[in-house]
Amino acid sequence: MIALARFLGLGDPLFAHGVGWAVLLIVVIKVVVAFAALMVSVMLMIWFERKVISDMQARIGPNRAGPWGLLQTLADGTKLFFKEDLMPEKADRFVFKLAPYLALLPAFLAFVIVPVGGS
């Protein structure tokens, strides 16, 4: 694996110095914990925004899913995942499916010029 990392020129310290599976497992666990914390914080922020906006409009806000509506964002995401994909009758199927990717391409290309690594 070290030879493959050197051959590809990855320069990743985990592969370059022959680190074992225990370190890789710790890194994976840290990534999963950080991702889960980020998702929970985003879910709570969306709930907070909805509650504040509903107070501004003299409404109750999200209160159906979970205690105090805390799981409303999760319910909305689940609904969106299982929602039927509707296709207009006269639409070209390939172009219709490709259009969202083409819309995101300039945004991702803007990050190509941003340096991420050190040195």
PDB file of N, CA and C in Angstrom:
ATOM      1  N   MET A   1       0.830  -1.190   0.000  1.00  0.00           N
ATOM      2  CA  MET A   1       0.000   0.000   0.000  1.00  0.00           C
ATOM      3  C   MET A   1       0.873   1.250   0.000  1.00  0.00           C
ATOM      4  N   ILE A   2       1.997   1.206   0.696  1.00  0.00           N
ATOM      5  CA  ILE A   2       2.902   2.358   0.736  1.00  0.00           C
ATOM      6  C   ILE A   2       3.454   2.627  -0.654  1.00  0.00           C
ATOM      7  N   ALA A   3       3.827   1.535  -1.350  1.00  0.00           N
ATOM      8  CA  ALA A   3       4.360   1.706  -2.703  1.00  0.00           C
ATOM      9  C   ALA A   3       3.304   2.298  -3.631  1.00  0.00           C
ATOM     10  N   LEU A   4       2.044   1.879  -3.476  1.00  0.00           N
ATOM     11  CA  LEU A   4       0.968   2.418  -4.306  1.00  0.00           C
ATOM     12  C   LEU A   4       0.758   3.904  -4.024  1.00  0.00           C
ATOM     13  N   ALA A   5       0.807   4.290  -2.753  1.00  0.00           N
ATOM     14  CA  ALA A   5       0.645   5.704  -2.401  1.00  0.00           C
ATOM     15  C   ALA A   5       1.788   6.532  -2.967  1.00  0.00           C
ATOM     16  N   ARG A   6       3.012   5.991  -2.897  1.00  0.00           N
ATOM     17  CA  ARG A   6       4.146   6.723  -3.458  1.00  0.00           C
ATOM     18  C   ARG A   6       4.053   6.792  -4.972  1.00  0.00           C
ATOM     19  N   PHE A   7       3.602   5.692  -5.587  1.00  0.00           N
ATOM     20  CA  PHE A   7       3.471   5.662  -7.047  1.00  0.00           C
ATOM     21  C   PHE A   7       2.453   6.693  -7.521  1.00  0.00           C
ATOM     22  N   LEU A   8       1.348   6.795  -6.806  1.00  0.00           N
ATOM     23  CA  LEU A   8       0.311   7.747  -7.187  1.00  0.00           C
ATOM     24  C   LEU A   8       0.658   9.164  -6.742  1.00  0.00           C
ATOM     25  N   GLY A   9       1.653   9.325  -5.903  1.00  0.00           N
ATOM     26  CA  GLY A   9       2.045  10.646  -5.438  1.00  0.00           C
ATOM     27  C   GLY A   9       1.015  11.266  -4.517  1.00  0.00           C
ATOM     28  N   LEU A  10       0.353  10.437  -3.704  1.00  0.00           N
ATOM     29  CA  LEU A  10      -0.708  10.945  -2.849  1.00  0.00           C
ATOM     30  C   LEU A  10      -0.175  11.859  -1.751  1.00  0.00           C
ATOM     31  N   GLY A  11       0.950  11.525  -1.167  1.00  0.00           N
ATOM     32  CA  GLY A  11       1.508  12.354  -0.125  1.00  0.00           C
ATOM     33  C   GLY A  11       0.697  12.355   1.161  1.00  0.00           C
ATOM     34  N   ASP A  12      -0.204  11.428   1.327  1.00  0.00           N
ATOM     35  CA  ASP A  12      -1.013  11.368   2.536  1.00  0.00           C
ATOM     36  C   ASP A  12      -0.174  10.782   3.660  1.00  0.00           C
ATOM     37  N   PRO A  13      -0.071  11.467   4.795  1.00  0.00           N
ATOM     38  CA  PRO A  13       0.776  10.950   5.868  1.00  0.00           C
ATOM     39  C   PRO A  13       0.316   9.600   6.403  1.00  0.00           C
ATOM     40  N   LEU A  14      -0.970   9.296   6.294  1.00  0.00           N
ATOM     41  CA  LEU A  14      -1.434   7.994   6.776  1.00  0.00           C
ATOM     42  C   LEU A  14      -0.878   6.864   5.929  1.00  0.00           C
ATOM     43  N   PHE A  15      -0.705   7.088   4.642  1.00  0.00           N
ATOM     44  CA  PHE A  15      -0.194   6.037   3.766  1.00  0.00           C
ATOM     45  C   PHE A  15       1.318   6.108   3.610  1.00  0.00           C
ATOM     46  N   ALA A  16       1.902   7.285   3.678  1.00  0.00           N
ATOM     47  CA  ALA A  16       3.320   7.456   3.409  1.00  0.00           C
ATOM     48  C   ALA A  16       4.198   6.834   4.493  1.00  0.00           C
ATOM     49  N   HIS A  17       3.758   6.795   5.731  1.00  0.00           N
ATOM     50  CA  HIS A  17       4.584   6.295   6.819  1.00  0.00           C
ATOM     51  C   HIS A  17       4.184   4.907   7.295  1.00  0.00           C
ATOM     52  N   GLY A  18       3.344   4.229   6.570  1.00  0.00           N
ATOM     53  CA  GLY A  18       2.984   2.859   6.927  1.00  0.00           C
ATOM     54  C   GLY A  18       2.150   2.749   8.181  1.00  0.00           C
ATOM     55  N   VAL A  19       1.196   3.626   8.374  1.00  0.00           N
ATOM     56  CA  VAL A  19       0.350   3.607   9.563  1.00  0.00           C
ATOM     57  C   VAL A  19      -0.617   2.427   9.463  1.00  0.00           C
ATOM     58  N   GLY A  20      -0.892   1.797  10.596  1.00  0.00           N
ATOM     59  CA  GLY A  20      -1.713   0.602  10.612  1.00  0.00           C
ATOM     60  C   GLY A  20      -3.213   0.874  10.576  1.00  0.00           C
ATOM     61  N   TRP A  21      -3.971  -0.212  10.669  1.00  0.00           N
ATOM     62  CA  TRP A  21      -5.430  -0.147  10.585  1.00  0.00           C
ATOM     63  C   TRP A  21      -6.050   0.573  11.768  1.00  0.00           C
ATOM     64  N   ALA A  22      -5.409   0.534  12.915  1.00  0.00           N
ATOM     65  CA  ALA A  22      -5.972   1.173  14.108  1.00  0.00           C
ATOM     66  C   ALA A  22      -6.077   2.683  13.905  1.00  0.00           C
ATOM     67  N   VAL A  23      -5.052   3.278  13.322  1.00  0.00           N
ATOM     68  CA  VAL A  23      -5.076   4.717  13.087  1.00  0.00           C
ATOM     69  C   VAL A  23      -6.124   5.058  12.034  1.00  0.00           C
ATOM     70  N   LEU A  24      -6.206   4.246  10.990  1.00  0.00           N
ATOM     71  CA  LEU A  24      -7.224   4.480   9.963  1.00  0.00           C
ATOM     72  C   LEU A  24      -8.629   4.371  10.541  1.00  0.00           C
ATOM     73  N   LEU A  25      -8.844   3.418  11.430  1.00  0.00           N
ATOM     74  CA  LEU A  25     -10.144   3.268  12.071  1.00  0.00           C
ATOM     75  C   LEU A  25     -10.477   4.489  12.932  1.00  0.00           C
ATOM     76  N   ILE A  26      -9.483   5.006  13.652  1.00  0.00           N
ATOM     77  CA  ILE A  26      -9.701   6.198  14.470  1.00  0.00           C
ATOM     78  C   ILE A  26     -10.057   7.389  13.593  1.00  0.00           C
ATOM     79  N   VAL A  27      -9.381   7.528  12.463  1.00  0.00           N
ATOM     80  CA  VAL A  27      -9.673   8.634  11.545  1.00  0.00           C
ATOM     81  C   VAL A  27     -11.089   8.516  11.007  1.00  0.00           C
ATOM     82  N   VAL A  28     -11.496   7.306  10.629  1.00  0.00           N
ATOM     83  CA  VAL A  28     -12.853   7.099  10.106  1.00  0.00           C
ATOM     84  C   VAL A  28     -13.891   7.419  11.184  1.00  0.00           C
ATOM     85  N   ILE A  29     -13.647   6.993  12.409  1.00  0.00           N
ATOM     86  CA  ILE A  29     -14.586   7.277  13.500  1.00  0.00           C
ATOM     87  C   ILE A  29     -14.689   8.781  13.736  1.00  0.00           C
ATOM     88  N   LYS A  30     -13.559   9.489  13.694  1.00  0.00           N
ATOM     89  CA  LYS A  30     -13.586  10.939  13.870  1.00  0.00           C
ATOM     90  C   LYS A  30     -14.389  11.618  12.761  1.00  0.00           C
ATOM     91  N   VAL A  31     -14.230  11.155  11.539  1.00  0.00           N
ATOM     92  CA  VAL A  31     -14.969  11.736  10.415  1.00  0.00           C
ATOM     93  C   VAL A  31     -16.465  11.492  10.579  1.00  0.00           C
ATOM     94  N   VAL A  32     -16.850  10.291  10.972  1.00  0.00           N
ATOM     95  CA  VAL A  32     -18.269   9.973  11.153  1.00  0.00           C
ATOM     96  C   VAL A  32     -18.872  10.803  12.285  1.00  0.00           C
ATOM     97  N   VAL A  33     -18.149  10.944  13.383  1.00  0.00           N
ATOM     98  CA  VAL A  33     -18.656  11.738  14.512  1.00  0.00           C
ATOM     99  C   VAL A  33     -18.793  13.207  14.116  1.00  0.00           C
ATOM    100  N   ALA A  34     -17.806  13.739  13.405  1.00  0.00           N
ATOM    101  CA  ALA A  34     -17.886  15.135  12.969  1.00  0.00           C
ATOM    102  C   ALA A  34     -19.042  15.339  11.990  1.00  0.00           C
ATOM    103  N   PHE A  35     -19.243  14.391  11.081  1.00  0.00           N
ATOM    104  CA  PHE A  35     -20.343  14.491  10.121  1.00  0.00           C
ATOM    105  C   PHE A  35     -21.691  14.423  10.835  1.00  0.00           C
ATOM    106  N   ALA A  36     -21.829  13.523  11.792  1.00  0.00           N
ATOM    107  CA  ALA A  36     -23.087  13.403  12.532  1.00  0.00           C
ATOM    108  C   ALA A  36     -23.365  14.674  13.337  1.00  0.00           C
ATOM    109  N   ALA A  37     -22.339  15.231  13.968  1.00  0.00           N
ATOM    110  CA  ALA A  37     -22.529  16.463  14.731  1.00  0.00           C
ATOM    111  C   ALA A  37     -22.938  17.605  13.813  1.00  0.00           C
ATOM    112  N   LEU A  38     -22.346  17.664  12.641  1.00  0.00           N
ATOM    113  CA  LEU A  38     -22.705  18.710  11.684  1.00  0.00           C
ATOM    114  C   LEU A  38     -24.147  18.555  11.221  1.00  0.00           C
ATOM    115  N   MET A  39     -24.574  17.333  10.931  1.00  0.00           N
ATOM    116  CA  MET A  39     -25.950  17.111  10.464  1.00  0.00           C
ATOM    117  C   MET A  39     -26.960  17.458  11.555  1.00  0.00           C
ATOM    118  N   VAL A  40     -26.664  17.089  12.793  1.00  0.00           N
ATOM    119  CA  VAL A  40     -27.582  17.413  13.894  1.00  0.00           C
ATOM    120  C   VAL A  40     -27.648  18.921  14.103  1.00  0.00           C
ATOM    121  N   SER A  41     -26.502  19.596  14.006  1.00  0.00           N
ATOM    122  CA  SER A  41     -26.524  21.049  14.194  1.00  0.00           C
ATOM    123  C   SER A  41     -27.279  21.747  13.067  1.00  0.00           C
ATOM    124  N   VAL A  42     -27.159  21.251  11.850  1.00  0.00           N
ATOM    125  CA  VAL A  42     -27.927  21.828  10.736  1.00  0.00           C
ATOM    126  C   VAL A  42     -29.416  21.599  10.961  1.00  0.00           C
ATOM    127  N   MET A  43     -29.782  20.407  11.407  1.00  0.00           N
ATOM    128  CA  MET A  43     -31.187  20.107  11.666  1.00  0.00           C
ATOM    129  C   MET A  43     -31.757  21.027  12.755  1.00  0.00           C
ATOM    130  N   LEU A  44     -30.995  21.257  13.810  1.00  0.00           N
ATOM    131  CA  LEU A  44     -31.450  22.141  14.878  1.00  0.00           C
ATOM    132  C   LEU A  44     -31.520  23.590  14.411  1.00  0.00           C
ATOM    133  N   MET A  45     -30.604  24.005  13.553  1.00  0.00           N
ATOM    134  CA  MET A  45     -30.634  25.380  13.048  1.00  0.00           C
ATOM    135  C   MET A  45     -31.861  25.605  12.164  1.00  0.00           C
ATOM    136  N   ILE A  46     -32.184  24.631  11.344  1.00  0.00           N
ATOM    137  CA  ILE A  46     -33.381  24.745  10.505  1.00  0.00           C
ATOM    138  C   ILE A  46     -34.627  24.805  11.383  1.00  0.00           C
ATOM    139  N   TRP A  47     -34.679  23.996  12.439  1.00  0.00           N
ATOM    140  CA  TRP A  47     -35.817  24.021  13.361  1.00  0.00           C
ATOM    141  C   TRP A  47     -35.926  25.395  14.025  1.00  0.00           C
ATOM    142  N   PHE A  48     -34.780  25.929  14.458  1.00  0.00           N
ATOM    143  CA  PHE A  48     -34.774  27.243  15.104  1.00  0.00           C
ATOM    144  C   PHE A  48     -35.256  28.322  14.138  1.00  0.00           C
ATOM    145  N   GLU A  49     -34.777  28.291  12.892  1.00  0.00           N
ATOM    146  CA  GLU A  49     -35.222  29.278  11.903  1.00  0.00           C
ATOM    147  C   GLU A  49     -36.725  29.198  11.675  1.00  0.00           C
ATOM    148  N   ARG A  50     -37.228  27.985  11.558  1.00  0.00           N
ATOM    149  CA  ARG A  50     -38.673  27.817  11.335  1.00  0.00           C
ATOM    150  C   ARG A  50     -39.479  28.335  12.512  1.00  0.00           C
ATOM    151  N   LYS A  51     -39.007  28.093  13.725  1.00  0.00           N
ATOM    152  CA  LYS A  51     -39.719  28.575  14.908  1.00  0.00           C
ATOM    153  C   LYS A  51     -39.703  30.107  14.979  1.00  0.00           C
ATOM    154  N   VAL A  52     -38.563  30.704  14.688  1.00  0.00           N
ATOM    155  CA  VAL A  52     -38.462  32.168  14.737  1.00  0.00           C
ATOM    156  C   VAL A  52     -39.354  32.796  13.668  1.00  0.00           C
ATOM    157  N   ILE A  53     -39.306  32.253  12.456  1.00  0.00           N
ATOM    158  CA  ILE A  53     -40.136  32.802  11.380  1.00  0.00           C
ATOM    159  C   ILE A  53     -41.612  32.613  11.684  1.00  0.00           C
ATOM    160  N   SER A  54     -41.970  31.471  12.269  1.00  0.00           N
ATOM    161  CA  SER A  54     -43.382  31.264  12.608  1.00  0.00           C
ATOM    162  C   SER A  54     -43.827  32.223  13.710  1.00  0.00           C
ATOM    163  N   ASP A  55     -42.943  32.537  14.650  1.00  0.00           N
ATOM    164  CA  ASP A  55     -43.284  33.534  15.674  1.00  0.00           C
ATOM    165  C   ASP A  55     -43.479  34.911  15.052  1.00  0.00           C
ATOM    166  N   MET A  56     -42.676  35.249  14.068  1.00  0.00           N
ATOM    167  CA  MET A  56     -42.821  36.538  13.391  1.00  0.00           C
ATOM    168  C   MET A  56     -44.156  36.642  12.664  1.00  0.00           C
ATOM    169  N   GLN A  57     -44.651  35.507  12.199  1.00  0.00           N
ATOM    170  CA  GLN A  57     -45.902  35.497  11.440  1.00  0.00           C
ATOM    171  C   GLN A  57     -47.090  35.085  12.300  1.00  0.00           C
ATOM    172  N   ALA A  58     -46.905  35.004  13.597  1.00  0.00           N
ATOM    173  CA  ALA A  58     -47.957  34.628  14.546  1.00  0.00           C
ATOM    174  C   ALA A  58     -48.555  33.260  14.218  1.00  0.00           C
ATOM    175  N   ARG A  59     -47.655  32.301  13.929  1.00  0.00           N
ATOM    176  CA  ARG A  59     -48.063  30.916  13.691  1.00  0.00           C
ATOM    177  C   ARG A  59     -47.392  30.027  14.736  1.00  0.00           C
ATOM    178  N   ILE A  60     -47.780  28.762  14.751  1.00  0.00           N
ATOM    179  CA  ILE A  60     -47.206  27.822  15.721  1.00  0.00           C
ATOM    180  C   ILE A  60     -45.840  27.325  15.258  1.00  0.00           C
ATOM    181  N   GLY A  61     -45.684  27.052  13.987  1.00  0.00           N
ATOM    182  CA  GLY A  61     -44.431  26.523  13.464  1.00  0.00           C
ATOM    183  C   GLY A  61     -44.437  25.010  13.488  1.00  0.00           C
ATOM    184  N   PRO A  62     -43.286  24.396  13.232  1.00  0.00           N
ATOM    185  CA  PRO A  62     -43.230  22.927  13.189  1.00  0.00           C
ATOM    186  C   PRO A  62     -43.498  22.324  14.564  1.00  0.00           C
ATOM    187  N   ASN A  63     -44.532  21.455  14.633  1.00  0.00           N
ATOM    188  CA  ASN A  63     -44.824  20.801  15.911  1.00  0.00           C
ATOM    189  C   ASN A  63     -45.380  19.394  15.707  1.00  0.00           C
ATOM    190  N   ARG A  64     -45.298  18.847  14.507  1.00  0.00           N
ATOM    191  CA  ARG A  64     -45.888  17.533  14.229  1.00  0.00           C
ATOM    192  C   ARG A  64     -44.916  16.381  14.470  1.00  0.00           C
ATOM    193  N   ALA A  65     -43.718  16.480  13.902  1.00  0.00           N
ATOM    194  CA  ALA A  65     -42.772  15.360  13.952  1.00  0.00           C
ATOM    195  C   ALA A  65     -41.833  15.503  15.138  1.00  0.00           C
ATOM    196  N   GLY A  66     -41.891  14.558  16.047  1.00  0.00           N
ATOM    197  CA  GLY A  66     -40.995  14.567  17.193  1.00  0.00           C
ATOM    198  C   GLY A  66     -41.439  15.538  18.275  1.00  0.00           C
ATOM    199  N   PRO A  67     -40.703  15.533  19.380  1.00  0.00           N
ATOM    200  CA  PRO A  67     -41.038  16.469  20.460  1.00  0.00           C
ATOM    201  C   PRO A  67     -40.739  17.912  20.044  1.00  0.00           C
ATOM    202  N   TRP A  68     -41.713  18.769  20.163  1.00  0.00           N
ATOM    203  CA  TRP A  68     -41.630  20.189  19.815  1.00  0.00           C
ATOM    204  C   TRP A  68     -41.280  20.420  18.338  1.00  0.00           C
ATOM    205  N   GLY A  69     -41.476  19.411  17.495  1.00  0.00           N
ATOM    206  CA  GLY A  69     -41.191  19.560  16.071  1.00  0.00           C
ATOM    207  C   GLY A  69     -39.726  19.443  15.713  1.00  0.00           C
ATOM    208  N   LEU A  70     -38.895  18.898  16.616  1.00  0.00           N
ATOM    209  CA  LEU A  70     -37.456  18.808  16.365  1.00  0.00           C
ATOM    210  C   LEU A  70     -37.102  17.898  15.189  1.00  0.00           C
ATOM    211  N   LEU A  71     -37.944  16.931  14.894  1.00  0.00           N
ATOM    212  CA  LEU A  71     -37.637  15.988  13.814  1.00  0.00           C
ATOM    213  C   LEU A  71     -38.334  16.354  12.507  1.00  0.00           C
ATOM    214  N   GLN A  72     -38.871  17.553  12.411  1.00  0.00           N
ATOM    215  CA  GLN A  72     -39.580  17.963  11.202  1.00  0.00           C
ATOM    216  C   GLN A  72     -38.647  17.998   9.991  1.00  0.00           C
ATOM    217  N   THR A  73     -37.422  18.454  10.152  1.00  0.00           N
ATOM    218  CA  THR A  73     -36.466  18.500   9.051  1.00  0.00           C
ATOM    219  C   THR A  73     -36.137  17.098   8.567  1.00  0.00           C
ATOM    220  N   LEU A  74     -35.994  16.164   9.495  1.00  0.00           N
ATOM    221  CA  LEU A  74     -35.733  14.773   9.117  1.00  0.00           C
ATOM    222  C   LEU A  74     -36.925  14.195   8.357  1.00  0.00           C
ATOM    223  N   ALA A  75     -38.139  14.519   8.795  1.00  0.00           N
ATOM    224  CA  ALA A  75     -39.335  14.056   8.098  1.00  0.00           C
ATOM    225  C   ALA A  75     -39.426  14.662   6.699  1.00  0.00           C
ATOM    226  N   ASP A  76     -39.081  15.938   6.559  1.00  0.00           N
ATOM    227  CA  ASP A  76     -39.095  16.580   5.247  1.00  0.00           C
ATOM    228  C   ASP A  76     -38.072  15.949   4.306  1.00  0.00           C
ATOM    229  N   GLY A  77     -36.882  15.653   4.828  1.00  0.00           N
ATOM    230  CA  GLY A  77     -35.853  15.005   4.010  1.00  0.00           C
ATOM    231  C   GLY A  77     -36.252  13.609   3.578  1.00  0.00           C
ATOM    232  N   THR A  78     -36.889  12.861   4.477  1.00  0.00           N
ATOM    233  CA  THR A  78     -37.361  11.516   4.129  1.00  0.00           C
ATOM    234  C   THR A  78     -38.437  11.591   3.057  1.00  0.00           C
ATOM    235  N   LYS A  79     -39.344  12.534   3.192  1.00  0.00           N
ATOM    236  CA  LYS A  79     -40.396  12.716   2.196  1.00  0.00           C
ATOM    237  C   LYS A  79     -39.792  13.072   0.834  1.00  0.00           C
ATOM    238  N   LEU A  80     -38.817  13.958   0.835  1.00  0.00           N
ATOM    239  CA  LEU A  80     -38.181  14.364  -0.417  1.00  0.00           C
ATOM    240  C   LEU A  80     -37.441  13.206  -1.069  1.00  0.00           C
ATOM    241  N   PHE A  81     -36.821  12.339  -0.265  1.00  0.00           N
ATOM    242  CA  PHE A  81     -36.091  11.188  -0.802  1.00  0.00           C
ATOM    243  C   PHE A  81     -37.019  10.213  -1.522  1.00  0.00           C
ATOM    244  N   PHE A  82     -38.211   9.992  -0.969  1.00  0.00           N
ATOM    245  CA  PHE A  82     -39.135   9.019  -1.546  1.00  0.00           C
ATOM    246  C   PHE A  82     -40.138   9.640  -2.519  1.00  0.00           C
ATOM    247  N   LYS A  83     -39.993  10.917  -2.793  1.00  0.00           N
ATOM    248  CA  LYS A  83     -40.930  11.604  -3.677  1.00  0.00           C
ATOM    249  C   LYS A  83     -40.755  11.122  -5.118  1.00  0.00           C
ATOM    250  N   GLU A  84     -41.868  11.020  -5.826  1.00  0.00           N
ATOM    251  CA  GLU A  84     -41.836  10.567  -7.217  1.00  0.00           C
ATOM    252  C   GLU A  84     -41.220  11.649  -8.099  1.00  0.00           C
ATOM    253  N   ASP A  85     -40.362  11.217  -9.010  1.00  0.00           N
ATOM    254  CA  ASP A  85     -39.737  12.143  -9.942  1.00  0.00           C
ATOM    255  C   ASP A  85     -40.659  12.323 -11.140  1.00  0.00           C
ATOM    256  N   LEU A  86     -41.181  13.525 -11.315  1.00  0.00           N
ATOM    257  CA  LEU A  86     -42.093  13.795 -12.412  1.00  0.00           C
ATOM    258  C   LEU A  86     -41.327  14.295 -13.622  1.00  0.00           C
ATOM    259  N   MET A  87     -41.684  13.785 -14.792  1.00  0.00           N
ATOM    260  CA  MET A  87     -41.038  14.161 -16.041  1.00  0.00           C
ATOM    261  C   MET A  87     -42.087  14.783 -16.963  1.00  0.00           C
ATOM    262  N   PRO A  88     -41.843  15.994 -17.459  1.00  0.00           N
ATOM    263  CA  PRO A  88     -42.787  16.578 -18.416  1.00  0.00           C
ATOM    264  C   PRO A  88     -42.916  15.698 -19.655  1.00  0.00           C
ATOM    265  N   GLU A  89     -44.087  15.726 -20.276  1.00  0.00           N
ATOM    266  CA  GLU A  89     -44.362  14.826 -21.401  1.00  0.00           C
ATOM    267  C   GLU A  89     -43.377  14.978 -22.551  1.00  0.00           C
ATOM    268  N   LYS A  90     -43.126  16.207 -22.960  1.00  0.00           N
ATOM    269  CA  LYS A  90     -42.324  16.428 -24.157  1.00  0.00           C
ATOM    270  C   LYS A  90     -40.862  16.738 -23.836  1.00  0.00           C
ATOM    271  N   ALA A  91     -40.425  16.444 -22.640  1.00  0.00           N
ATOM    272  CA  ALA A  91     -39.048  16.732 -22.256  1.00  0.00           C
ATOM    273  C   ALA A  91     -38.121  15.635 -22.746  1.00  0.00           C
ATOM    274  N   ASP A  92     -36.915  16.043 -23.118  1.00  0.00           N
ATOM    275  CA  ASP A  92     -35.869  15.082 -23.447  1.00  0.00           C
ATOM    276  C   ASP A  92     -35.338  14.518 -22.133  1.00  0.00           C
ATOM    277  N   ARG A  93     -35.461  13.220 -21.932  1.00  0.00           N
ATOM    278  CA  ARG A  93     -35.129  12.586 -20.649  1.00  0.00           C
ATOM    279  C   ARG A  93     -33.674  12.835 -20.256  1.00  0.00           C
ATOM    280  N   PHE A  94     -32.759  12.694 -21.204  1.00  0.00           N
ATOM    281  CA  PHE A  94     -31.336  12.859 -20.915  1.00  0.00           C
ATOM    282  C   PHE A  94     -31.029  14.292 -20.477  1.00  0.00           C
ATOM    283  N   VAL A  95     -31.518  15.271 -21.206  1.00  0.00           N
ATOM    284  CA  VAL A  95     -31.252  16.674 -20.882  1.00  0.00           C
ATOM    285  C   VAL A  95     -31.927  17.054 -19.566  1.00  0.00           C
ATOM    286  N   PHE A  96     -33.122  16.536 -19.326  1.00  0.00           N
ATOM    287  CA  PHE A  96     -33.851  16.839 -18.095  1.00  0.00           C
ATOM    288  C   PHE A  96     -33.087  16.334 -16.868  1.00  0.00           C
ATOM    289  N   LYS A  97     -32.484  15.159 -16.982  1.00  0.00           N
ATOM    290  CA  LYS A  97     -31.699  14.605 -15.866  1.00  0.00           C
ATOM    291  C   LYS A  97     -30.329  15.271 -15.743  1.00  0.00           C
ATOM    292  N   LEU A  98     -29.776  15.756 -16.858  1.00  0.00           N
ATOM    293  CA  LEU A  98     -28.447  16.342 -16.862  1.00  0.00           C
ATOM    294  C   LEU A  98     -28.429  17.792 -16.371  1.00  0.00           C
ATOM    295  N   ALA A  99     -29.526  18.518 -16.511  1.00  0.00           N
ATOM    296  CA  ALA A  99     -29.581  19.946 -16.219  1.00  0.00           C
ATOM    297  C   ALA A  99     -29.140  20.311 -14.790  1.00  0.00           C
ATOM    298  N   PRO A 100     -29.559  19.625 -13.738  1.00  0.00           N
ATOM    299  CA  PRO A 100     -29.093  20.007 -12.393  1.00  0.00           C
ATOM    300  C   PRO A 100     -27.582  19.880 -12.232  1.00  0.00           C
ATOM    301  N   TYR A 101     -26.993  18.870 -12.860  1.00  0.00           N
ATOM    302  CA  TYR A 101     -25.546  18.702 -12.772  1.00  0.00           C
ATOM    303  C   TYR A 101     -24.831  19.835 -13.503  1.00  0.00           C
ATOM    304  N   LEU A 102     -25.367  20.235 -14.635  1.00  0.00           N
ATOM    305  CA  LEU A 102     -24.779  21.341 -15.377  1.00  0.00           C
ATOM    306  C   LEU A 102     -24.922  22.663 -14.622  1.00  0.00           C
ATOM    307  N   ALA A 103     -25.959  22.794 -13.816  1.00  0.00           N
ATOM    308  CA  ALA A 103     -26.134  24.010 -13.017  1.00  0.00           C
ATOM    309  C   ALA A 103     -25.136  24.058 -11.861  1.00  0.00           C
ATOM    310  N   LEU A 104     -24.774  22.905 -11.306  1.00  0.00           N
ATOM    311  CA  LEU A 104     -23.831  22.855 -10.190  1.00  0.00           C
ATOM    312  C   LEU A 104     -22.372  22.923 -10.634  1.00  0.00           C
ATOM    313  N   LEU A 105     -22.107  22.603 -11.891  1.00  0.00           N
ATOM    314  CA  LEU A 105     -20.739  22.545 -12.390  1.00  0.00           C
ATOM    315  C   LEU A 105     -19.976  23.863 -12.199  1.00  0.00           C
ATOM    316  N   PRO A 106     -20.517  25.032 -12.536  1.00  0.00           N
ATOM    317  CA  PRO A 106     -19.752  26.272 -12.311  1.00  0.00           C
ATOM    318  C   PRO A 106     -19.436  26.530 -10.830  1.00  0.00           C
ATOM    319  N   ALA A 107     -20.340  26.174  -9.947  1.00  0.00           N
ATOM    320  CA  ALA A 107     -20.088  26.376  -8.516  1.00  0.00           C
ATOM    321  C   ALA A 107     -18.934  25.491  -8.046  1.00  0.00           C
ATOM    322  N   PHE A 108     -18.901  24.252  -8.493  1.00  0.00           N
ATOM    323  CA  PHE A 108     -17.809  23.362  -8.096  1.00  0.00           C
ATOM    324  C   PHE A 108     -16.493  23.768  -8.761  1.00  0.00           C
ATOM    325  N   LEU A 109     -16.553  24.239  -9.984  1.00  0.00           N
ATOM    326  CA  LEU A 109     -15.336  24.676 -10.668  1.00  0.00           C
ATOM    327  C   LEU A 109     -14.724  25.899  -9.999  1.00  0.00           C
ATOM    328  N   ALA A 110     -15.537  26.705  -9.351  1.00  0.00           N
ATOM    329  CA  ALA A 110     -15.001  27.863  -8.640  1.00  0.00           C
ATOM    330  C   ALA A 110     -14.099  27.429  -7.487  1.00  0.00           C
ATOM    331  N   PHE A 111     -14.347  26.265  -6.899  1.00  0.00           N
ATOM    332  CA  PHE A 111     -13.526  25.775  -5.800  1.00  0.00           C
ATOM    333  C   PHE A 111     -12.240  25.115  -6.268  1.00  0.00           C
ATOM    334  N   VAL A 112     -12.097  24.890  -7.561  1.00  0.00           N
ATOM    335  CA  VAL A 112     -10.879  24.262  -8.078  1.00  0.00           C
ATOM    336  C   VAL A 112      -9.672  25.151  -7.845  1.00  0.00           C
ATOM    337  N   ILE A 113      -9.856  26.452  -7.900  1.00  0.00           N
ATOM    338  CA  ILE A 113      -8.728  27.367  -7.765  1.00  0.00           C
ATOM    339  C   ILE A 113      -8.403  27.686  -6.309  1.00  0.00           C
ATOM    340  N   VAL A 114      -9.182  27.199  -5.360  1.00  0.00           N
ATOM    341  CA  VAL A 114      -8.947  27.483  -3.951  1.00  0.00           C
ATOM    342  C   VAL A 114      -7.925  26.471  -3.417  1.00  0.00           C
ATOM    343  N   PRO A 115      -6.787  26.928  -2.933  1.00  0.00           N
ATOM    344  CA  PRO A 115      -5.791  25.972  -2.404  1.00  0.00           C
ATOM    345  C   PRO A 115      -6.265  25.394  -1.066  1.00  0.00           C
ATOM    346  N   VAL A 116      -6.161  24.088  -0.926  1.00  0.00           N
ATOM    347  CA  VAL A 116      -6.634  23.429   0.283  1.00  0.00           C
ATOM    348  C   VAL A 116      -5.470  22.910   1.124  1.00  0.00           C
ATOM    349  N   GLY A 117      -4.459  22.334   0.473  1.00  0.00           N
ATOM    350  CA  GLY A 117      -3.348  21.732   1.196  1.00  0.00           C
ATOM    351  C   GLY A 117      -2.322  22.737   1.653  1.00  0.00           C
ATOM    352  N   GLY A 118      -1.381  22.262   2.394  1.00  0.00           N
ATOM    353  CA  GLY A 118      -0.307  23.107   2.890  1.00  0.00           C
ATOM    354  C   GLY A 118       0.842  23.208   1.899  1.00  0.00           C
ATOM    355  N   SER A 119       1.835  24.001   2.260  1.00  0.00           N
ATOM    356  CA  SER A 119       3.056  24.269   1.489  1.00  0.00           C
ATOM    357  C   SER A 119       2.695  24.665   0.116  1.00  0.00           C
TER     358      SER A 119
END
